[in-house]
C-alpha atoms as a PDB file:
ATOM      1  CA  MET A   1      85.997 -36.181   1.960  1.00  0.00           C
ATOM      2  CA  VAL A   2      87.150 -38.144   4.414  1.00  0.00           C
ATOM      3  CA  GLY A   3      87.178 -41.022   2.305  1.00  0.00           C
ATOM      4  CA  ALA A   4      89.517 -38.783  -0.623  1.00  0.00           C
ATOM      5  CA  GLU A   5      92.118 -37.710   2.292  1.00  0.00           C
ATOM      6  CA  ILE A   6      92.461 -41.626   3.602  1.00  0.00           C
ATOM      7  CA  GLU A   7      92.999 -42.424  -0.519  1.00  0.00           C
ATOM      8  CA  LEU A   8      95.531 -39.706  -0.872  1.00  0.00           C
ATOM      9  CA  VAL A   9      98.200 -40.486   2.434  1.00  0.00           C
ATOM     10  CA  ASN A  10      99.655 -43.004   0.580  1.00  0.00           C
ATOM     11  CA  LEU A  11     100.273 -41.608  -2.822  1.00  0.00           C
ATOM     12  CA  PRO A  12     103.501 -40.268  -4.182  1.00  0.00           C
ATOM     13  CA  GLU A  13     103.197 -36.042  -4.699  1.00  0.00           C
ATOM     14  CA  ARG A  14      99.575 -36.695  -3.134  1.00  0.00           C
ATOM     15  CA  GLU A  15      99.460 -32.804  -2.780  1.00  0.00           C
ATOM     16  CA  ASN A  16      99.683 -32.323  -6.570  1.00  0.00           C
ATOM     17  CA  MET A  17      96.515 -34.930  -7.522  1.00  0.00           C
ATOM     18  CA  LEU A  18      93.824 -31.908  -7.820  1.00  0.00           C
ATOM     19  CA  ASN A  19      96.527 -29.727  -9.788  1.00  0.00           C
ATOM     20  CA  LYS A  20      97.173 -32.145 -12.402  1.00  0.00           C
ATOM     21  CA  GLN A  21      93.566 -32.411 -13.116  1.00  0.00           C
ATOM     22  CA  VAL A  22      93.091 -28.670 -12.770  1.00  0.00           C
ATOM     23  CA  ARG A  23      95.819 -28.192 -15.334  1.00  0.00           C
ATOM     24  CA  LYS A  24      93.838 -30.009 -18.214  1.00  0.00           C
ATOM     25  CA  LEU A  25      90.635 -27.754 -17.762  1.00  0.00           C
ATOM     26  CA  MET A  26      92.511 -24.338 -17.684  1.00  0.00           C
ATOM     27  CA  ALA A  27      92.244 -23.933 -21.520  1.00  0.00           C
ATOM     28  CA  LYS A  28      88.317 -24.431 -21.277  1.00  0.00           C
ATOM     29  CA  TYR A  29      87.835 -21.473 -18.388  1.00  0.00           C
ATOM     30  CA  ASP A  30      88.525 -17.692 -17.974  1.00  0.00           C
ATOM     31  CA  PHE A  31      88.569 -18.935 -13.809  1.00  0.00           C
ATOM     32  CA  ILE A  32      87.982 -21.837 -11.808  1.00  0.00           C
ATOM     33  CA  ILE A  33      87.087 -21.414  -8.457  1.00  0.00           C
ATOM     34  CA  ILE A  34      87.427 -24.151  -5.587  1.00  0.00           C
ATOM     35  CA  ASP A  35      85.524 -24.445  -2.498  1.00  0.00           C
ATOM     36  CA  CYS A  36      87.644 -25.580   0.114  1.00  0.00           C
ATOM     37  CA  PRO A  37      87.023 -26.902   3.630  1.00  0.00           C
ATOM     38  CA  PRO A  38      88.265 -24.844   6.045  1.00  0.00           C
ATOM     39  CA  SER A  39      90.127 -27.436   7.991  1.00  0.00           C
ATOM     40  CA  LEU A  40      94.111 -27.999   6.303  1.00  0.00           C
ATOM     41  CA  GLY A  41      94.004 -31.386   5.632  1.00  0.00           C
ATOM     42  CA  LEU A  42      94.909 -33.338   2.215  1.00  0.00           C
ATOM     43  CA  ILE A  43      91.834 -32.072   0.554  1.00  0.00           C
ATOM     44  CA  THR A  44      92.767 -28.013   0.809  1.00  0.00           C
ATOM     45  CA  LEU A  45      96.452 -28.602   0.701  1.00  0.00           C
ATOM     46  CA  ASN A  46      95.483 -29.821  -2.665  1.00  0.00           C
ATOM     47  CA  CYS A  47      93.421 -26.643  -3.530  1.00  0.00           C
ATOM     48  CA  LEU A  48      95.921 -24.439  -2.603  1.00  0.00           C
ATOM     49  CA  CYS A  49      98.494 -26.026  -4.676  1.00  0.00           C
ATOM     50  CA  ALA A  50      96.386 -26.118  -7.647  1.00  0.00           C
ATOM     51  CA  SER A  51      95.483 -22.457  -7.441  1.00  0.00           C
ATOM     52  CA  ASN A  52      97.274 -19.316  -8.753  1.00  0.00           C
ATOM     53  CA  SER A  53      95.246 -17.462  -5.913  1.00  0.00           C
ATOM     54  CA  VAL A  54      93.205 -17.374  -2.689  1.00  0.00           C
ATOM     55  CA  LEU A  55      90.176 -15.633  -1.795  1.00  0.00           C
ATOM     56  CA  ILE A  56      89.392 -15.505   2.065  1.00  0.00           C
ATOM     57  CA  PRO A  57      86.416 -14.938   3.065  1.00  0.00           C
ATOM     58  CA  ILE A  58      86.361 -13.853   6.841  1.00  0.00           C
ATOM     59  CA  GLN A  59      83.233 -14.081   9.267  1.00  0.00           C
ATOM     60  CA  CYS A  60      82.330 -10.732  10.651  1.00  0.00           C
ATOM     61  CA  GLU A  61      83.198 -12.047  14.384  1.00  0.00           C
ATOM     62  CA  TYR A  62      85.751 -12.273  16.973  1.00  0.00           C
ATOM     63  CA  PHE A  63      87.291 -15.639  16.419  1.00  0.00           C
ATOM     64  CA  ALA A  64      87.746 -15.209  12.465  1.00  0.00           C
ATOM     65  CA  LEU A  65      90.758 -12.715  13.536  1.00  0.00           C
ATOM     66  CA  GLU A  66      92.538 -15.314  15.576  1.00  0.00           C
ATOM     67  CA  GLY A  67      91.767 -18.031  12.251  1.00  0.00           C
ATOM     68  CA  LEU A  68      93.322 -15.491   9.806  1.00  0.00           C
ATOM     69  CA  ALA A  69      96.755 -15.094  11.392  1.00  0.00           C
ATOM     70  CA  LYS A  70      96.858 -19.069  11.379  1.00  0.00           C
ATOM     71  CA  LEU A  71      95.486 -19.186   7.705  1.00  0.00           C
ATOM     72  CA  MET A  72      97.810 -16.445   6.714  1.00  0.00           C
ATOM     73  CA  ASN A  73     100.954 -18.565   8.130  1.00  0.00           C
ATOM     74  CA  THR A  74      99.448 -21.839   6.442  1.00  0.00           C
ATOM     75  CA  ILE A  75      99.459 -19.980   2.823  1.00  0.00           C
ATOM     76  CA  ARG A  76     103.058 -18.890   3.623  1.00  0.00           C
ATOM     77  CA  LYS A  77     103.908 -22.495   4.298  1.00  0.00           C
ATOM     78  CA  VAL A  78     102.243 -23.623   0.982  1.00  0.00           C
ATOM     79  CA  GLN A  79     104.217 -20.939  -0.792  1.00  0.00           C
ATOM     80  CA  ASN A  80     107.607 -21.865   0.249  1.00  0.00           C
ATOM     81  CA  PHE A  81     107.070 -25.929   0.121  1.00  0.00           C
ATOM     82  CA  HIS A  82     104.472 -26.551  -2.672  1.00  0.00           C
ATOM     83  CA  ASN A  83     103.737 -23.675  -4.863  1.00  0.00           C
ATOM     84  CA  GLN A  84     105.887 -20.233  -5.147  1.00  0.00           C
ATOM     85  CA  ASP A  85     103.366 -18.781  -7.098  1.00  0.00           C
ATOM     86  CA  LEU A  86     100.455 -18.955  -4.578  1.00  0.00           C
ATOM     87  CA  SER A  87      99.322 -15.730  -4.191  1.00  0.00           C
ATOM     88  CA  ILE A  88      96.359 -13.962  -2.123  1.00  0.00           C
ATOM     89  CA  GLU A  89      93.232 -12.800  -4.042  1.00  0.00           C
ATOM     90  CA  GLY A  90      91.591 -10.677  -1.472  1.00  0.00           C
ATOM     91  CA  LEU A  91      89.719 -11.184   1.736  1.00  0.00           C
ATOM     92  CA  LEU A  92      86.104 -10.667   1.654  1.00  0.00           C
ATOM     93  CA  LEU A  93      84.137 -10.029   4.624  1.00  0.00           C
ATOM     94  CA  THR A  94      81.075 -11.753   5.068  1.00  0.00           C
ATOM     95  CA  MET A  95      78.284 -12.464   7.409  1.00  0.00           C
ATOM     96  CA  TYR A  96      78.132  -8.909   7.900  1.00  0.00           C
ATOM     97  CA  ASP A  97      75.504  -7.058  10.229  1.00  0.00           C
ATOM     98  CA  SER A  98      75.263  -3.976  10.580  1.00  0.00           C
ATOM     99  CA  ARG A  99      73.265  -4.000  13.690  1.00  0.00           C
ATOM    100  CA  LEU A 100      76.081  -5.487  15.697  1.00  0.00           C
ATOM    101  CA  ARG A 101      78.960  -3.115  16.926  1.00  0.00           C
ATOM    102  CA  LEU A 102      81.471  -6.278  16.380  1.00  0.00           C
ATOM    103  CA  SER A 103      80.751  -6.846  13.009  1.00  0.00           C
ATOM    104  CA  ASN A 104      81.898  -2.857  12.214  1.00  0.00           C
ATOM    105  CA  ASN A 105      85.146  -3.355  14.451  1.00  0.00           C
ATOM    106  CA  VAL A 106      85.639  -6.619  13.063  1.00  0.00           C
ATOM    107  CA  ILE A 107      85.710  -4.477   9.415  1.00  0.00           C
ATOM    108  CA  GLU A 108      87.669  -1.640  10.814  1.00  0.00           C
ATOM    109  CA  GLU A 109      90.136  -4.043  12.057  1.00  0.00           C
ATOM    110  CA  VAL A 110      90.773  -6.114   8.668  1.00  0.00           C
ATOM    111  CA  LYS A 111      90.681  -2.952   6.849  1.00  0.00           C
ATOM    112  CA  THR A 112      93.417  -1.356   9.044  1.00  0.00           C
ATOM    113  CA  HIS A 113      96.037  -4.625   8.701  1.00  0.00           C
ATOM    114  CA  PHE A 114      95.181  -5.597   5.033  1.00  0.00           C
ATOM    115  CA  GLY A 115      94.198  -2.308   3.528  1.00  0.00           C
ATOM    116  CA  ASP A 116      93.589  -2.851  -0.363  1.00  0.00           C
ATOM    117  CA  MET A 117      93.646  -6.831  -0.308  1.00  0.00           C
ATOM    118  CA  VAL A 118      89.861  -6.431   1.413  1.00  0.00           C
ATOM    119  CA  PHE A 119      87.533  -6.451  -1.443  1.00  0.00           C
ATOM    120  CA  ASP A 120      85.113  -3.677  -1.239  1.00  0.00           C
ATOM    121  CA  THR A 121      82.381  -5.840  -1.318  1.00  0.00           C
ATOM    122  CA  ILE A 122      80.983  -7.163   1.857  1.00  0.00           C
ATOM    123  CA  ILE A 123      78.038 -10.072   2.170  1.00  0.00           C
ATOM    124  CA  GLN A 124      75.541  -9.533   4.327  1.00  0.00           C
ATOM    125  CA  ARG A 125      73.542 -11.436   6.619  1.00  0.00           C
ATOM    126  CA  ASN A 126      70.827 -13.145   5.081  1.00  0.00           C
ATOM    127  CA  VAL A 127      68.035 -15.428   5.500  1.00  0.00           C
ATOM    128  CA  ARG A 128      67.768 -16.263   1.911  1.00  0.00           C
ATOM    129  CA  LEU A 129      71.322 -17.147   1.661  1.00  0.00           C
ATOM    130  CA  SER A 130      70.582 -20.157   4.138  1.00  0.00           C
ATOM    131  CA  GLU A 131      67.248 -20.558   2.889  1.00  0.00           C
ATOM    132  CA  ALA A 132      68.782 -21.736  -1.077  1.00  0.00           C
ATOM    133  CA  THR A 133      71.477 -23.716   0.647  1.00  0.00           C
ATOM    134  CA  GLY A 134      68.824 -25.506   2.469  1.00  0.00           C
ATOM    135  CA  PHE A 135      66.936 -25.865  -0.683  1.00  0.00           C
ATOM    136  CA  GLY A 136      70.258 -27.230  -2.233  1.00  0.00           C
ATOM    137  CA  LYS A 137      70.029 -23.847  -4.999  1.00  0.00           C
ATOM    138  CA  SER A 138      72.505 -21.609  -5.569  1.00  0.00           C
ATOM    139  CA  ILE A 139      71.466 -17.941  -4.407  1.00  0.00           C
ATOM    140  CA  ILE A 140      70.828 -16.811  -7.951  1.00  0.00           C
ATOM    141  CA  LYS A 141      68.016 -19.513  -8.847  1.00  0.00           C
ATOM    142  CA  TYR A 142      66.523 -18.930  -5.384  1.00  0.00           C
ATOM    143  CA  ASP A 143      66.015 -15.379  -5.268  1.00  0.00           C
ATOM    144  CA  ALA A 144      68.543 -13.288  -7.828  1.00  0.00           C
ATOM    145  CA  ASN A 145      67.088 -10.081  -6.057  1.00  0.00           C
ATOM    146  CA  CYS A 146      67.529 -10.525  -2.301  1.00  0.00           C
ATOM    147  CA  ARG A 147      70.280  -8.511  -0.507  1.00  0.00           C
ATOM    148  CA  GLY A 148      72.720 -11.568  -0.666  1.00  0.00           C
ATOM    149  CA  ALA A 149      72.523 -12.337  -4.203  1.00  0.00           C
ATOM    150  CA  ILE A 150      73.212  -8.968  -5.086  1.00  0.00           C
ATOM    151  CA  ASN A 151      75.929  -8.832  -2.722  1.00  0.00           C
ATOM    152  CA  TYR A 152      77.475 -11.926  -4.537  1.00  0.00           C
ATOM    153  CA  LEU A 153      76.488 -10.504  -7.797  1.00  0.00           C
ATOM    154  CA  ASN A 154      78.800  -7.321  -6.960  1.00  0.00           C
ATOM    155  CA  LEU A 155      81.575  -9.489  -5.547  1.00  0.00           C
ATOM    156  CA  ALA A 156      81.991 -11.783  -8.998  1.00  0.00           C
ATOM    157  CA  LYS A 157      81.805  -8.125 -10.851  1.00  0.00           C
ATOM    158  CA  GLU A 158      84.612  -6.558  -8.284  1.00  0.00           C
ATOM    159  CA  PHE A 159      86.552  -9.960  -8.608  1.00  0.00           C
ATOM    160  CA  ILE A 160      86.435  -9.818 -12.761  1.00  0.00           C
ATOM    161  CA  GLU A 161      87.147  -6.148 -12.729  1.00  0.00           C
ATOM    162  CA  LYS A 162      90.220  -6.689 -10.444  1.00  0.00           C
ATOM    163  CA  ASN A 163      91.731  -9.550 -12.759  1.00  0.00           C
ATOM    164  CA  THR A 164      91.374  -6.952 -15.832  1.00  0.00           C
ATOM    165  CA  LEU A 165      88.459  -8.063 -17.574  1.00  0.00           C
ATOM    166  CA  THR A 166      85.735  -5.741 -18.387  1.00  0.00           C
ATOM    167  CA  VAL A 167      82.000  -6.200 -17.268  1.00  0.00           C
ATOM    168  CA  ASP A 168      79.178  -4.264 -18.761  1.00  0.00           C
ATOM    169  CA  THR A 169      76.584  -4.923 -16.138  1.00  0.00           C
ATOM    170  CA  LYS A 170      76.500  -3.071 -12.880  1.00  0.00           C
ATOM    171  CA  TYR A 171      74.186  -4.559  -9.747  1.00  0.00           C
ATOM    172  CA  GLU A 172      72.688  -2.759  -7.487  1.00  0.00           C
END
């Protein structure tokens, strides 16, 4: 990633390099999901310029709330200068642990401030999610029946429903 950032620095319209490539693929797919690094560099800026919307994951921890305010400012700047069509798809609460009061406080705070923008699905802490990553597999291939996989399948269903497509399958 660092190499890609260095290569982009001196290119004209460097923030639109990914956008040009994504536009070539749009007719083939209903959705193109781009996973961005958490820092704001040229790679993330390219992703934001190439996107219609942003799904913002928020860990159920205190410092995530501080980072959220900064991210919202960044999104506004990208909208103003590079991509006026960029919208916020929603906020996704992650790494939730029902045993921790802090997790519940973060959920309450985010829902109070952002209301309907917050996805109903919450991704719970789950060891199997970490294990899947360690084995280089998706959680569906690693253990489709674990709580983490079910959370992500429910998120996919909610995402698709929010985007007005019909889904017949319900995961529980």
